[in-house]
């Protein structure tokens, strides 16, 4: 079949963790072609973080902020 616009099945949920713990963010996004993911912190791309899941290990004040995922499949983003 032809291209299908992206739809968010499961958006990333807010996460609260203690210092030193890990934070895991996940997103489920459907579409065709398959979506390409790019995770961001405070609206800046996180290099190499292009999977549906993001794990931030050893959480500290240095990595706090607003995390989000951007998805694109060439049809929609």
C-alpha atoms as a PDB file:
ATOM      1  CA  UNK A   1       0.000   0.000   0.000  1.00  0.00           C
ATOM      2  CA  UNK A   2       0.983   3.650  -0.198  1.00  0.00           C
ATOM      3  CA  UNK A   3       2.385   6.036   2.384  1.00  0.00           C
ATOM      4  CA  UNK A   4       0.630   6.365   5.741  1.00  0.00           C
ATOM      5  CA  UNK A   5       0.923   9.504   7.880  1.00  0.00           C
ATOM      6  CA  UNK A   6       2.449   9.142  11.328  1.00  0.00           C
ATOM      7  CA  UNK A   7       0.187   8.538  14.305  1.00  0.00           C
ATOM      8  CA  UNK A   8       1.284   8.466  17.927  1.00  0.00           C
ATOM      9  CA  UNK A   9       0.040   5.270  19.569  1.00  0.00           C
ATOM     10  CA  UNK A  10       1.896   5.825  22.852  1.00  0.00           C
ATOM     11  CA  UNK A  11       3.529   9.175  23.629  1.00  0.00           C
ATOM     12  CA  UNK A  12       6.472   9.413  26.036  1.00  0.00           C
ATOM     13  CA  UNK A  13       5.269   9.669  29.626  1.00  0.00           C
ATOM     14  CA  UNK A  14       6.724  11.991  32.259  1.00  0.00           C
ATOM     15  CA  UNK A  15       9.355  10.326  34.431  1.00  0.00           C
ATOM     16  CA  UNK A  16      10.543  11.240  37.911  1.00  0.00           C
ATOM     17  CA  UNK A  17      13.610   9.464  39.302  1.00  0.00           C
ATOM     18  CA  UNK A  18      16.047   9.803  42.160  1.00  0.00           C
ATOM     19  CA  UNK A  19      19.639  10.986  41.563  1.00  0.00           C
ATOM     20  CA  UNK A  20      21.797   8.111  40.345  1.00  0.00           C
ATOM     21  CA  UNK A  21      18.859   6.121  38.953  1.00  0.00           C
ATOM     22  CA  UNK A  22      18.057   5.561  35.279  1.00  0.00           C
ATOM     23  CA  UNK A  23      15.164   7.170  33.415  1.00  0.00           C
ATOM     24  CA  UNK A  24      13.569   5.377  30.473  1.00  0.00           C
ATOM     25  CA  UNK A  25      11.393   7.130  27.907  1.00  0.00           C
ATOM     26  CA  UNK A  26       9.478   5.239  25.210  1.00  0.00           C
ATOM     27  CA  UNK A  27       7.302   6.168  22.257  1.00  0.00           C
ATOM     28  CA  UNK A  28       5.247   4.068  19.863  1.00  0.00           C
ATOM     29  CA  UNK A  29       4.625   5.809  16.561  1.00  0.00           C
ATOM     30  CA  UNK A  30       3.066   4.148  13.508  1.00  0.00           C
ATOM     31  CA  UNK A  31       3.299   5.095   9.849  1.00  0.00           C
ATOM     32  CA  UNK A  32       4.698   4.052   6.485  1.00  0.00           C
ATOM     33  CA  UNK A  33       7.490   4.488   5.690  1.00  0.00           C
ATOM     34  CA  UNK A  34       8.504   3.607   9.239  1.00  0.00           C
ATOM     35  CA  UNK A  35       9.285   6.641  11.404  1.00  0.00           C
ATOM     36  CA  UNK A  36      12.782   7.860  12.142  1.00  0.00           C
ATOM     37  CA  UNK A  37      13.161   8.948  15.769  1.00  0.00           C
ATOM     38  CA  UNK A  38      15.297  11.734  17.239  1.00  0.00           C
ATOM     39  CA  UNK A  39      15.295  12.337  20.984  1.00  0.00           C
ATOM     40  CA  UNK A  40      15.891  15.839  22.278  1.00  0.00           C
ATOM     41  CA  UNK A  41      16.643  17.492  25.628  1.00  0.00           C
ATOM     42  CA  UNK A  42      15.615  21.125  25.986  1.00  0.00           C
ATOM     43  CA  UNK A  43      14.872  21.172  22.223  1.00  0.00           C
ATOM     44  CA  UNK A  44      18.442  20.141  21.263  1.00  0.00           C
ATOM     45  CA  UNK A  45      19.083  16.833  19.464  1.00  0.00           C
ATOM     46  CA  UNK A  46      20.773  14.149  21.542  1.00  0.00           C
ATOM     47  CA  UNK A  47      23.475  12.719  19.244  1.00  0.00           C
ATOM     48  CA  UNK A  48      22.947   9.069  18.369  1.00  0.00           C
ATOM     49  CA  UNK A  49      19.613   8.803  20.204  1.00  0.00           C
ATOM     50  CA  UNK A  50      17.472   7.610  17.293  1.00  0.00           C
ATOM     51  CA  UNK A  51      15.607   4.594  18.698  1.00  0.00           C
ATOM     52  CA  UNK A  52      12.025   4.357  19.952  1.00  0.00           C
ATOM     53  CA  UNK A  53      13.402   4.236  23.520  1.00  0.00           C
ATOM     54  CA  UNK A  54      15.760   6.555  25.367  1.00  0.00           C
ATOM     55  CA  UNK A  55      17.577   5.516  28.535  1.00  0.00           C
ATOM     56  CA  UNK A  56      19.282   8.203  30.602  1.00  0.00           C
ATOM     57  CA  UNK A  57      21.604   6.522  33.092  1.00  0.00           C
ATOM     58  CA  UNK A  58      22.999   7.893  36.328  1.00  0.00           C
ATOM     59  CA  UNK A  59      20.564  10.805  36.416  1.00  0.00           C
ATOM     60  CA  UNK A  60      21.950  14.018  37.928  1.00  0.00           C
ATOM     61  CA  UNK A  61      21.099  17.716  37.872  1.00  0.00           C
ATOM     62  CA  UNK A  62      23.320  18.030  34.785  1.00  0.00           C
ATOM     63  CA  UNK A  63      20.850  15.997  32.684  1.00  0.00           C
ATOM     64  CA  UNK A  64      17.551  17.334  33.993  1.00  0.00           C
ATOM     65  CA  UNK A  65      15.327  19.120  31.552  1.00  0.00           C
ATOM     66  CA  UNK A  66      12.538  18.665  29.072  1.00  0.00           C
ATOM     67  CA  UNK A  67      12.874  15.504  26.975  1.00  0.00           C
ATOM     68  CA  UNK A  68      10.864  14.840  23.838  1.00  0.00           C
ATOM     69  CA  UNK A  69      11.011  12.696  20.736  1.00  0.00           C
ATOM     70  CA  UNK A  70      10.634  13.931  17.182  1.00  0.00           C
ATOM     71  CA  UNK A  71       9.543  11.448  14.525  1.00  0.00           C
ATOM     72  CA  UNK A  72       9.579  11.815  10.748  1.00  0.00           C
ATOM     73  CA  UNK A  73       8.795   9.463   7.888  1.00  0.00           C
ATOM     74  CA  UNK A  74       9.156  11.836   4.954  1.00  0.00           C
ATOM     75  CA  UNK A  75       5.396  12.267   4.785  1.00  0.00           C
ATOM     76  CA  UNK A  76       4.658  13.754   8.208  1.00  0.00           C
ATOM     77  CA  UNK A  77       6.593  14.649  11.317  1.00  0.00           C
END
